[in-house]
Amino acid sequence: MKPCIVMQTDFGLSTGLPISMNAVIDKIDPEIKIYDLCHEVREFDIRQASAYLASTFPYWRDGTIFVTVVDPGVGTDRRSCVALTDNGSFIVTPDNGSLTLLKDRIVAVREIDETVNRLPGSDDHHTFHGRDVYAYTAARLASGIITYEQVGKEYPVEEIVTFPLPEAKIVDGVATGEVTNASDHFGNVGISIPNEMIKQIGINVGDMARVIITKDDKVLYDETMLFHKSFGYVEKGKPILNECSNDYVEISINQGSFCEQCLPELLEAYDLSPYKVRIMPAGGDI
C-alpha cells in the first residue's frame, strides 16, 4: 500500500491553491490518497501550523507523508526540507519553525534538491512552492519515484529551525504558563499548563480555580471558575477551566467564544508568549 498524503496550508478555501497542489499529486500518481488536515491555518502563523500538525500526527498510520505549508518566507533562501520521523512518516515543509513541536520525533532531515525535485516548467515561479516543490516532492516520494535519499542532502537535525517552547512550572503553589493557542474554531484559549499540574497544586475536578491572564505584568483577566472535564459542567455562557484532549488545560465558554467575549486582542496576536497565565485554588492570593 502506498502512503497517503496529508495536506496543511494557510491558503484558505476560497481559491484554487489547495486543489492545484492536489492536481500535481494526482497527475504524478492517481493512486495516492490525499487528505486535508487544514487549509485555514491563520495566515503566516507558523506556530499554529506546528500545533495542528503535532496534535493530529499521532492518529495517522506509520509512513504517512505530511505536507505543511505556512511559508511567509517563500521564494527566499530558507530551506525546503523533508523530515523523517521515528515511525517512518515524512514531513515535507519549509524549515521555518513548522517542525518545532515534532522535533523530538524527527530522526533525520534532508534539504530538497530543487534541481531535481521541482515541478518541470516552474523554475521562474517563486511564490507557490506549495505546489511546485512540496506537493511535487511528496508525490514522487509517495509513489516510489524517488527514495528518501534522493530528496537531497542530509543535514543535522540540530539545525532544524524552531521557535521557543512555552514553559509551565509551579511557583509557591501557583501553576504558571503561557497562552499557546487562541484562534481555534471555538475561541478557546490553550495554555501550556498540563492537566496533571493543576491537580498538583490542589485543584481537583469539580473544584473552583482562580485564573489570571497578564501581558507585560498588566492584568487582563482575573476570574474564578470551575475546573472540570469538559464544557458542559457549567451553564451556557459561563467560563470554565477544562481538561483538554491534548493533555493541557484550556479556558472555554460553554457554547461561546472566550476570546471574543473576554480577550479579543488574543485573536490578533501572532506571538502569544507575552500572555502569561497563573492558576491557583479559588481564594488564593498572589
C-alpha atoms as a PDB file:
ATOM      1  CA  MET A   1       0.000   0.000   0.000  1.00  0.00           C
ATOM      2  CA  LYS A   2       1.302   3.430  -0.948  1.00  0.00           C
ATOM      3  CA  PRO A   3       1.461   6.054   1.779  1.00  0.00           C
ATOM      4  CA  CYS A   4      -1.263   8.676   1.787  1.00  0.00           C
ATOM      5  CA  ILE A   5      -0.511  12.405   1.728  1.00  0.00           C
ATOM      6  CA  VAL A   6      -1.997  14.732   4.356  1.00  0.00           C
ATOM      7  CA  MET A   7      -2.071  18.418   3.426  1.00  0.00           C
ATOM      8  CA  GLN A   8      -1.995  21.558   5.580  1.00  0.00           C
ATOM      9  CA  THR A   9      -1.700  25.183   4.425  1.00  0.00           C
ATOM     10  CA  ASP A  10      -2.782  28.714   5.249  1.00  0.00           C
ATOM     11  CA  PHE A  11      -4.164  29.151   1.713  1.00  0.00           C
ATOM     12  CA  GLY A  12      -7.835  29.122   2.682  1.00  0.00           C
ATOM     13  CA  LEU A  13     -10.668  27.505   0.754  1.00  0.00           C
ATOM     14  CA  SER A  14     -11.768  30.481  -1.351  1.00  0.00           C
ATOM     15  CA  THR A  15      -9.130  29.967  -4.074  1.00  0.00           C
ATOM     16  CA  GLY A  16      -7.831  27.139  -6.220  1.00  0.00           C
ATOM     17  CA  LEU A  17      -4.489  26.998  -4.434  1.00  0.00           C
ATOM     18  CA  PRO A  18      -5.008  23.831  -2.351  1.00  0.00           C
ATOM     19  CA  ILE A  19      -6.652  21.907  -5.178  1.00  0.00           C
ATOM     20  CA  SER A  20      -3.807  22.778  -7.553  1.00  0.00           C
ATOM     21  CA  MET A  21      -1.469  21.024  -5.129  1.00  0.00           C
ATOM     22  CA  ASN A  22      -3.773  18.008  -5.214  1.00  0.00           C
ATOM     23  CA  ALA A  23      -3.730  18.174  -9.014  1.00  0.00           C
ATOM     24  CA  VAL A  24       0.075  17.928  -9.094  1.00  0.00           C
ATOM     25  CA  ILE A  25      -0.043  14.853  -6.864  1.00  0.00           C
ATOM     26  CA  ASP A  26      -2.836  13.222  -8.861  1.00  0.00           C
ATOM     27  CA  LYS A  27      -1.022  13.818 -12.145  1.00  0.00           C
ATOM     28  CA  ILE A  28       2.097  12.082 -10.833  1.00  0.00           C
ATOM     29  CA  ASP A  29       0.224   9.124  -9.345  1.00  0.00           C
ATOM     30  CA  PRO A  30      -3.605   8.928  -9.266  1.00  0.00           C
ATOM     31  CA  GLU A  31      -3.417   6.000  -6.822  1.00  0.00           C
ATOM     32  CA  ILE A  32      -2.188   8.227  -4.000  1.00  0.00           C
ATOM     33  CA  LYS A  33      -4.874   9.105  -1.469  1.00  0.00           C
ATOM     34  CA  ILE A  34      -4.893  12.768  -0.449  1.00  0.00           C
ATOM     35  CA  TYR A  35      -6.424  14.062   2.784  1.00  0.00           C
ATOM     36  CA  ASP A  36      -6.793  17.594   4.123  1.00  0.00           C
ATOM     37  CA  LEU A  37      -5.594  18.325   7.637  1.00  0.00           C
ATOM     38  CA  CYS A  38      -6.450  22.043   7.452  1.00  0.00           C
ATOM     39  CA  HIS A  39      -6.244  24.799   4.851  1.00  0.00           C
ATOM     40  CA  GLU A  40      -7.398  27.521   7.216  1.00  0.00           C
ATOM     41  CA  VAL A  41      -4.352  27.883   9.413  1.00  0.00           C
ATOM     42  CA  ARG A  42      -4.170  31.573  10.247  1.00  0.00           C
ATOM     43  CA  GLU A  43      -2.144  33.378   7.584  1.00  0.00           C
ATOM     44  CA  PHE A  44       1.615  33.218   8.228  1.00  0.00           C
ATOM     45  CA  ASP A  45       1.081  31.602  11.674  1.00  0.00           C
ATOM     46  CA  ILE A  46       3.857  29.016  11.816  1.00  0.00           C
ATOM     47  CA  ARG A  47       3.211  28.297  15.492  1.00  0.00           C
ATOM     48  CA  GLN A  48      -0.391  27.343  14.815  1.00  0.00           C
ATOM     49  CA  ALA A  49       0.644  25.170  11.880  1.00  0.00           C
ATOM     50  CA  SER A  50       3.117  23.332  14.092  1.00  0.00           C
ATOM     51  CA  ALA A  51       0.466  22.844  16.777  1.00  0.00           C
ATOM     52  CA  TYR A  52      -2.151  21.494  14.355  1.00  0.00           C
ATOM     53  CA  LEU A  53       0.376  19.116  12.819  1.00  0.00           C
ATOM     54  CA  ALA A  54       1.595  17.828  16.185  1.00  0.00           C
ATOM     55  CA  SER A  55      -1.927  17.295  17.522  1.00  0.00           C
ATOM     56  CA  THR A  56      -3.049  15.155  14.569  1.00  0.00           C
ATOM     57  CA  PHE A  57       0.216  13.381  13.774  1.00  0.00           C
ATOM     58  CA  PRO A  58      -0.204  10.502  16.289  1.00  0.00           C
ATOM     59  CA  TYR A  59      -3.509   9.363  14.770  1.00  0.00           C
ATOM     60  CA  TRP A  60      -2.241   8.669  11.247  1.00  0.00           C
ATOM     61  CA  ARG A  61      -0.734   5.355  10.235  1.00  0.00           C
ATOM     62  CA  ASP A  62       3.017   4.921  10.191  1.00  0.00           C
ATOM     63  CA  GLY A  63       4.620   6.025   6.938  1.00  0.00           C
ATOM     64  CA  THR A  64       2.153   8.828   6.186  1.00  0.00           C
ATOM     65  CA  ILE A  65       3.527  11.785   4.243  1.00  0.00           C
ATOM     66  CA  PHE A  66       2.550  15.199   5.616  1.00  0.00           C
ATOM     67  CA  VAL A  67       2.798  18.389   3.578  1.00  0.00           C
ATOM     68  CA  THR A  68       2.563  21.518   5.716  1.00  0.00           C
ATOM     69  CA  VAL A  69       2.992  24.877   4.017  1.00  0.00           C
ATOM     70  CA  VAL A  70       2.780  28.070   6.034  1.00  0.00           C
ATOM     71  CA  ASP A  71       5.574  29.933   4.350  1.00  0.00           C
ATOM     72  CA  PRO A  72       5.912  33.705   4.820  1.00  0.00           C
ATOM     73  CA  GLY A  73       9.489  33.394   3.510  1.00  0.00           C
ATOM     74  CA  VAL A  74       8.507  31.709   0.248  1.00  0.00           C
ATOM     75  CA  GLY A  75      10.996  32.404  -2.546  1.00  0.00           C
ATOM     76  CA  THR A  76      13.798  33.389  -0.165  1.00  0.00           C
ATOM     77  CA  ASP A  77      16.811  31.331   0.843  1.00  0.00           C
ATOM     78  CA  ARG A  78      15.079  29.483   3.733  1.00  0.00           C
ATOM     79  CA  ARG A  79      15.467  25.711   3.447  1.00  0.00           C
ATOM     80  CA  SER A  80      12.849  23.399   1.993  1.00  0.00           C
ATOM     81  CA  CYS A  81      13.088  20.012   3.626  1.00  0.00           C
ATOM     82  CA  VAL A  82      11.691  16.543   4.209  1.00  0.00           C
ATOM     83  CA  ALA A  83      11.938  15.295   7.796  1.00  0.00           C
ATOM     84  CA  LEU A  84      11.853  11.575   8.625  1.00  0.00           C
ATOM     85  CA  THR A  85      10.151  10.683  11.896  1.00  0.00           C
ATOM     86  CA  ASP A  86      10.646   7.760  14.240  1.00  0.00           C
ATOM     87  CA  ASN A  87       7.603   5.894  12.851  1.00  0.00           C
ATOM     88  CA  GLY A  88       8.698   6.142   9.220  1.00  0.00           C
ATOM     89  CA  SER A  89       6.487   9.087   8.336  1.00  0.00           C
ATOM     90  CA  PHE A  90       7.707  12.129   6.404  1.00  0.00           C
ATOM     91  CA  ILE A  91       7.003  15.845   6.777  1.00  0.00           C
ATOM     92  CA  VAL A  92       7.523  17.970   3.676  1.00  0.00           C
ATOM     93  CA  THR A  93       7.747  21.634   4.613  1.00  0.00           C
ATOM     94  CA  PRO A  94       9.759  24.818   4.673  1.00  0.00           C
ATOM     95  CA  ASP A  95      12.190  24.586   7.576  1.00  0.00           C
ATOM     96  CA  ASN A  96      10.909  27.726   9.264  1.00  0.00           C
ATOM     97  CA  GLY A  97       9.647  26.527  12.647  1.00  0.00           C
ATOM     98  CA  SER A  98       6.808  24.283  11.491  1.00  0.00           C
ATOM     99  CA  LEU A  99       8.688  21.224  12.787  1.00  0.00           C
ATOM    100  CA  THR A 100       9.158  22.601  16.307  1.00  0.00           C
ATOM    101  CA  LEU A 101       6.523  20.581  18.161  1.00  0.00           C
ATOM    102  CA  LEU A 102       7.519  17.313  16.495  1.00  0.00           C
ATOM    103  CA  LYS A 103      11.267  17.795  16.610  1.00  0.00           C
ATOM    104  CA  ASP A 104      11.674  15.168  19.329  1.00  0.00           C
ATOM    105  CA  ARG A 105      10.287  12.571  16.897  1.00  0.00           C
ATOM    106  CA  ILE A 106      12.496  13.526  13.938  1.00  0.00           C
ATOM    107  CA  VAL A 107      15.416  11.185  13.257  1.00  0.00           C
ATOM    108  CA  ALA A 108      16.729  12.696  10.001  1.00  0.00           C
ATOM    109  CA  VAL A 109      16.155  15.699   7.762  1.00  0.00           C
ATOM    110  CA  ARG A 110      17.126  16.391   4.148  1.00  0.00           C
ATOM    111  CA  GLU A 111      17.092  19.612   2.159  1.00  0.00           C
ATOM    112  CA  ILE A 112      15.014  19.318  -1.013  1.00  0.00           C
ATOM    113  CA  ASP A 113      17.211  19.466  -4.104  1.00  0.00           C
ATOM    114  CA  GLU A 114      15.089  21.699  -6.325  1.00  0.00           C
ATOM    115  CA  THR A 115      17.223  20.972  -9.372  1.00  0.00           C
ATOM    116  CA  VAL A 116      15.624  17.518  -9.324  1.00  0.00           C
ATOM    117  CA  ASN A 117      12.547  17.717  -7.117  1.00  0.00           C
ATOM    118  CA  ARG A 118      10.639  20.610  -8.604  1.00  0.00           C
ATOM    119  CA  LEU A 119       7.653  20.692 -10.943  1.00  0.00           C
ATOM    120  CA  PRO A 120       9.008  20.925 -14.507  1.00  0.00           C
ATOM    121  CA  GLY A 121       8.471  24.358 -16.009  1.00  0.00           C
ATOM    122  CA  SER A 122       8.199  26.127 -12.645  1.00  0.00           C
ATOM    123  CA  ASP A 123      11.757  27.448 -12.344  1.00  0.00           C
ATOM    124  CA  ASP A 124      10.583  31.032 -12.840  1.00  0.00           C
ATOM    125  CA  HIS A 125       7.805  30.721 -10.253  1.00  0.00           C
ATOM    126  CA  HIS A 126       8.860  31.859  -6.800  1.00  0.00           C
ATOM    127  CA  THR A 127       5.671  32.335  -4.786  1.00  0.00           C
ATOM    128  CA  PHE A 128       3.987  28.916  -4.888  1.00  0.00           C
ATOM    129  CA  HIS A 129       6.445  26.335  -3.597  1.00  0.00           C
ATOM    130  CA  GLY A 130       3.494  24.518  -2.026  1.00  0.00           C
ATOM    131  CA  ARG A 131       2.575  23.343  -5.494  1.00  0.00           C
ATOM    132  CA  ASP A 132       5.906  23.446  -7.306  1.00  0.00           C
ATOM    133  CA  VAL A 133       8.193  21.948  -4.642  1.00  0.00           C
ATOM    134  CA  TYR A 134       6.334  20.439  -1.686  1.00  0.00           C
ATOM    135  CA  ALA A 135       3.367  18.709  -3.340  1.00  0.00           C
ATOM    136  CA  TYR A 136       5.611  17.591  -6.200  1.00  0.00           C
ATOM    137  CA  THR A 137       8.281  16.140  -3.888  1.00  0.00           C
ATOM    138  CA  ALA A 138       5.688  14.468  -1.659  1.00  0.00           C
ATOM    139  CA  ALA A 139       4.054  12.796  -4.649  1.00  0.00           C
ATOM    140  CA  ARG A 140       7.354  11.498  -6.006  1.00  0.00           C
ATOM    141  CA  LEU A 141       8.223  10.143  -2.561  1.00  0.00           C
ATOM    142  CA  ALA A 142       4.803   8.509  -2.038  1.00  0.00           C
ATOM    143  CA  SER A 143       4.766   6.934  -5.485  1.00  0.00           C
ATOM    144  CA  GLY A 144       8.262   5.468  -5.121  1.00  0.00           C
ATOM    145  CA  ILE A 145       9.718   7.510  -7.975  1.00  0.00           C
ATOM    146  CA  ILE A 146      12.380   8.718  -5.544  1.00  0.00           C
ATOM    147  CA  THR A 147      13.755   7.311  -2.307  1.00  0.00           C
ATOM    148  CA  TYR A 148      14.266   9.439   0.763  1.00  0.00           C
ATOM    149  CA  GLU A 149      17.980   9.606  -0.027  1.00  0.00           C
ATOM    150  CA  GLN A 150      17.124  11.165  -3.405  1.00  0.00           C
ATOM    151  CA  VAL A 151      15.256  14.069  -1.790  1.00  0.00           C
ATOM    152  CA  GLY A 152      18.518  15.919  -1.312  1.00  0.00           C
ATOM    153  CA  LYS A 153      21.458  16.380   1.033  1.00  0.00           C
ATOM    154  CA  GLU A 154      21.030  15.411   4.681  1.00  0.00           C
ATOM    155  CA  TYR A 155      21.770  17.998   7.354  1.00  0.00           C
ATOM    156  CA  PRO A 156      21.862  17.730  11.176  1.00  0.00           C
ATOM    157  CA  VAL A 157      18.547  17.508  12.999  1.00  0.00           C
ATOM    158  CA  GLU A 158      20.011  20.020  15.449  1.00  0.00           C
ATOM    159  CA  GLU A 159      19.899  22.658  12.684  1.00  0.00           C
ATOM    160  CA  ILE A 160      16.117  22.460  12.295  1.00  0.00           C
ATOM    161  CA  VAL A 161      14.612  25.906  12.862  1.00  0.00           C
ATOM    162  CA  THR A 162      12.447  26.100  15.980  1.00  0.00           C
ATOM    163  CA  PHE A 163      10.580  28.701  17.979  1.00  0.00           C
ATOM    164  CA  PRO A 164      10.892  28.865  21.796  1.00  0.00           C
ATOM    165  CA  LEU A 165       8.654  26.387  23.570  1.00  0.00           C
ATOM    166  CA  PRO A 166       6.362  27.729  26.302  1.00  0.00           C
ATOM    167  CA  GLU A 167       7.151  26.639  29.830  1.00  0.00           C
ATOM    168  CA  ALA A 168       4.988  25.602  32.749  1.00  0.00           C
ATOM    169  CA  LYS A 169       6.005  25.387  36.387  1.00  0.00           C
ATOM    170  CA  ILE A 170       4.714  25.619  39.927  1.00  0.00           C
ATOM    171  CA  VAL A 171       5.863  28.622  41.956  1.00  0.00           C
ATOM    172  CA  ASP A 172       4.689  28.939  45.573  1.00  0.00           C
ATOM    173  CA  GLY A 173       1.690  26.721  44.911  1.00  0.00           C
ATOM    174  CA  VAL A 174       0.656  28.578  41.741  1.00  0.00           C
ATOM    175  CA  ALA A 175       0.753  26.920  38.292  1.00  0.00           C
ATOM    176  CA  THR A 176       2.259  29.329  35.776  1.00  0.00           C
ATOM    177  CA  GLY A 177       2.413  29.102  31.998  1.00  0.00           C
ATOM    178  CA  GLU A 178       1.640  30.857  28.732  1.00  0.00           C
ATOM    179  CA  VAL A 179      -1.230  31.120  26.284  1.00  0.00           C
ATOM    180  CA  THR A 180      -0.408  28.726  23.437  1.00  0.00           C
ATOM    181  CA  ASN A 181      -3.473  28.996  21.209  1.00  0.00           C
ATOM    182  CA  ALA A 182      -6.297  31.493  20.944  1.00  0.00           C
ATOM    183  CA  SER A 183      -7.645  31.158  17.445  1.00  0.00           C
ATOM    184  CA  ASP A 184      -9.281  27.771  17.191  1.00  0.00           C
ATOM    185  CA  HIS A 185     -12.776  27.473  15.756  1.00  0.00           C
ATOM    186  CA  PHE A 186     -14.493  27.727  19.139  1.00  0.00           C
ATOM    187  CA  GLY A 187     -12.487  30.594  20.605  1.00  0.00           C
ATOM    188  CA  ASN A 188     -10.954  28.532  23.405  1.00  0.00           C
ATOM    189  CA  VAL A 189      -7.659  29.563  24.981  1.00  0.00           C
ATOM    190  CA  GLY A 190      -4.973  26.893  25.106  1.00  0.00           C
ATOM    191  CA  ILE A 191      -2.493  27.055  27.978  1.00  0.00           C
ATOM    192  CA  SER A 192       0.942  25.457  28.412  1.00  0.00           C
ATOM    193  CA  ILE A 193      -0.020  24.035  31.820  1.00  0.00           C
ATOM    194  CA  PRO A 194      -0.600  20.247  31.837  1.00  0.00           C
ATOM    195  CA  ASN A 195      -3.839  18.850  33.239  1.00  0.00           C
ATOM    196  CA  GLU A 196      -1.908  16.997  35.935  1.00  0.00           C
ATOM    197  CA  MET A 197      -0.126  20.145  37.138  1.00  0.00           C
ATOM    198  CA  ILE A 198      -3.475  21.658  38.123  1.00  0.00           C
ATOM    199  CA  LYS A 199      -4.090  18.694  40.409  1.00  0.00           C
ATOM    200  CA  GLN A 200      -0.590  19.025  41.851  1.00  0.00           C
ATOM    201  CA  ILE A 201      -1.499  22.459  43.245  1.00  0.00           C
ATOM    202  CA  GLY A 202      -4.561  21.014  44.963  1.00  0.00           C
ATOM    203  CA  ILE A 203      -7.278  21.710  42.384  1.00  0.00           C
ATOM    204  CA  ASN A 204      -9.263  18.576  41.575  1.00  0.00           C
ATOM    205  CA  VAL A 205     -12.057  18.069  39.069  1.00  0.00           C
ATOM    206  CA  GLY A 206     -15.109  19.866  40.444  1.00  0.00           C
ATOM    207  CA  ASP A 207     -13.118  22.473  42.400  1.00  0.00           C
ATOM    208  CA  MET A 208     -13.057  26.211  41.752  1.00  0.00           C
ATOM    209  CA  ALA A 209      -9.908  27.837  40.390  1.00  0.00           C
ATOM    210  CA  ARG A 210      -8.687  31.387  40.078  1.00  0.00           C
ATOM    211  CA  VAL A 211      -7.335  32.168  36.599  1.00  0.00           C
ATOM    212  CA  ILE A 212      -5.247  35.266  35.897  1.00  0.00           C
ATOM    213  CA  ILE A 213      -4.015  36.312  32.431  1.00  0.00           C
ATOM    214  CA  THR A 214      -1.432  39.079  32.156  1.00  0.00           C
ATOM    215  CA  LYS A 215       0.631  40.795  29.494  1.00  0.00           C
ATOM    216  CA  ASP A 216       3.721  42.810  30.435  1.00  0.00           C
ATOM    217  CA  ASP A 217       2.634  42.460  34.079  1.00  0.00           C
ATOM    218  CA  LYS A 218      -0.718  44.113  33.345  1.00  0.00           C
ATOM    219  CA  VAL A 219      -3.714  42.040  34.445  1.00  0.00           C
ATOM    220  CA  LEU A 220      -6.101  41.480  31.535  1.00  0.00           C
ATOM    221  CA  TYR A 221      -8.325  38.869  33.122  1.00  0.00           C
ATOM    222  CA  ASP A 222      -8.839  37.700  36.704  1.00  0.00           C
ATOM    223  CA  GLU A 223     -11.790  35.436  37.447  1.00  0.00           C
ATOM    224  CA  THR A 224     -12.764  32.378  39.454  1.00  0.00           C
ATOM    225  CA  MET A 225     -14.244  29.457  37.528  1.00  0.00           C
ATOM    226  CA  LEU A 226     -14.965  25.752  37.749  1.00  0.00           C
ATOM    227  CA  PHE A 227     -12.262  23.219  36.859  1.00  0.00           C
ATOM    228  CA  HIS A 228     -13.832  20.188  35.226  1.00  0.00           C
ATOM    229  CA  LYS A 229     -13.592  17.574  32.478  1.00  0.00           C
ATOM    230  CA  SER A 230     -15.488  19.415  29.752  1.00  0.00           C
ATOM    231  CA  PHE A 231     -17.560  22.467  28.833  1.00  0.00           C
ATOM    232  CA  GLY A 232     -20.982  21.119  29.744  1.00  0.00           C
ATOM    233  CA  TYR A 233     -20.409  21.230  33.508  1.00  0.00           C
ATOM    234  CA  VAL A 234     -21.263  24.946  33.592  1.00  0.00           C
ATOM    235  CA  GLU A 235     -24.284  26.847  32.341  1.00  0.00           C
ATOM    236  CA  LYS A 236     -24.373  28.128  28.789  1.00  0.00           C
ATOM    237  CA  GLY A 237     -22.307  31.317  28.514  1.00  0.00           C
ATOM    238  CA  LYS A 238     -20.214  30.629  31.628  1.00  0.00           C
ATOM    239  CA  PRO A 239     -16.411  30.253  31.585  1.00  0.00           C
ATOM    240  CA  ILE A 240     -14.727  27.026  32.612  1.00  0.00           C
ATOM    241  CA  LEU A 241     -11.173  25.773  33.047  1.00  0.00           C
ATOM    242  CA  ASN A 242     -11.303  22.330  31.490  1.00  0.00           C
ATOM    243  CA  GLU A 243      -9.051  19.408  30.768  1.00  0.00           C
ATOM    244  CA  CYS A 244      -8.277  19.359  27.054  1.00  0.00           C
ATOM    245  CA  SER A 245      -7.745  16.248  24.930  1.00  0.00           C
ATOM    246  CA  ASN A 246      -4.159  17.328  24.215  1.00  0.00           C
ATOM    247  CA  ASP A 247      -3.309  16.853  27.938  1.00  0.00           C
ATOM    248  CA  TYR A 248      -3.174  20.587  28.697  1.00  0.00           C
ATOM    249  CA  VAL A 249      -5.804  22.799  30.284  1.00  0.00           C
ATOM    250  CA  GLU A 250      -7.777  25.387  28.359  1.00  0.00           C
ATOM    251  CA  ILE A 251     -10.213  28.165  29.162  1.00  0.00           C
ATOM    252  CA  SER A 252     -13.557  27.893  27.417  1.00  0.00           C
ATOM    253  CA  ILE A 253     -17.048  29.303  27.499  1.00  0.00           C
ATOM    254  CA  ASN A 254     -19.857  26.782  27.239  1.00  0.00           C
ATOM    255  CA  GLN A 255     -21.356  27.325  23.774  1.00  0.00           C
ATOM    256  CA  GLY A 256     -19.498  30.592  23.360  1.00  0.00           C
ATOM    257  CA  SER A 257     -16.112  32.060  22.465  1.00  0.00           C
ATOM    258  CA  PHE A 258     -13.859  33.031  25.346  1.00  0.00           C
ATOM    259  CA  CYS A 259     -11.623  35.042  23.026  1.00  0.00           C
ATOM    260  CA  GLU A 260     -14.433  37.065  21.503  1.00  0.00           C
ATOM    261  CA  GLN A 261     -16.227  37.689  24.780  1.00  0.00           C
ATOM    262  CA  CYS A 262     -13.309  38.223  27.162  1.00  0.00           C
ATOM    263  CA  LEU A 263      -9.988  38.871  25.396  1.00  0.00           C
ATOM    264  CA  PRO A 264     -10.453  39.703  21.700  1.00  0.00           C
ATOM    265  CA  GLU A 265      -6.895  41.002  21.412  1.00  0.00           C
ATOM    266  CA  LEU A 266      -5.691  37.398  21.564  1.00  0.00           C
ATOM    267  CA  LEU A 267      -7.262  36.775  18.168  1.00  0.00           C
ATOM    268  CA  GLU A 268      -4.901  39.304  16.576  1.00  0.00           C
ATOM    269  CA  ALA A 269      -1.708  38.205  18.338  1.00  0.00           C
ATOM    270  CA  TYR A 270       0.682  36.060  16.307  1.00  0.00           C
ATOM    271  CA  ASP A 271       3.115  35.747  19.207  1.00  0.00           C
ATOM    272  CA  LEU A 272       1.199  34.608  22.276  1.00  0.00           C
ATOM    273  CA  SER A 273       4.232  34.169  24.521  1.00  0.00           C
ATOM    274  CA  PRO A 274       3.810  37.580  26.248  1.00  0.00           C
ATOM    275  CA  TYR A 275       0.425  36.408  27.567  1.00  0.00           C
ATOM    276  CA  LYS A 276       1.146  34.712  30.895  1.00  0.00           C
ATOM    277  CA  VAL A 277      -1.317  32.559  32.858  1.00  0.00           C
ATOM    278  CA  ARG A 278      -1.397  31.848  36.581  1.00  0.00           C
ATOM    279  CA  ILE A 279      -3.795  29.328  38.093  1.00  0.00           C
ATOM    280  CA  MET A 280      -4.391  28.723  41.784  1.00  0.00           C
ATOM    281  CA  PRO A 281      -7.135  27.411  44.056  1.00  0.00           C
ATOM    282  CA  ALA A 282     -10.096  29.785  44.444  1.00  0.00           C
ATOM    283  CA  GLY A 283      -9.391  32.342  47.139  1.00  0.00           C
ATOM    284  CA  GLY A 284      -5.673  32.086  46.521  1.00  0.00           C
ATOM    285  CA  ASP A 285      -3.593  35.253  46.562  1.00  0.00           C
ATOM    286  CA  ILE A 286      -0.553  36.329  44.562  1.00  0.00           C
END
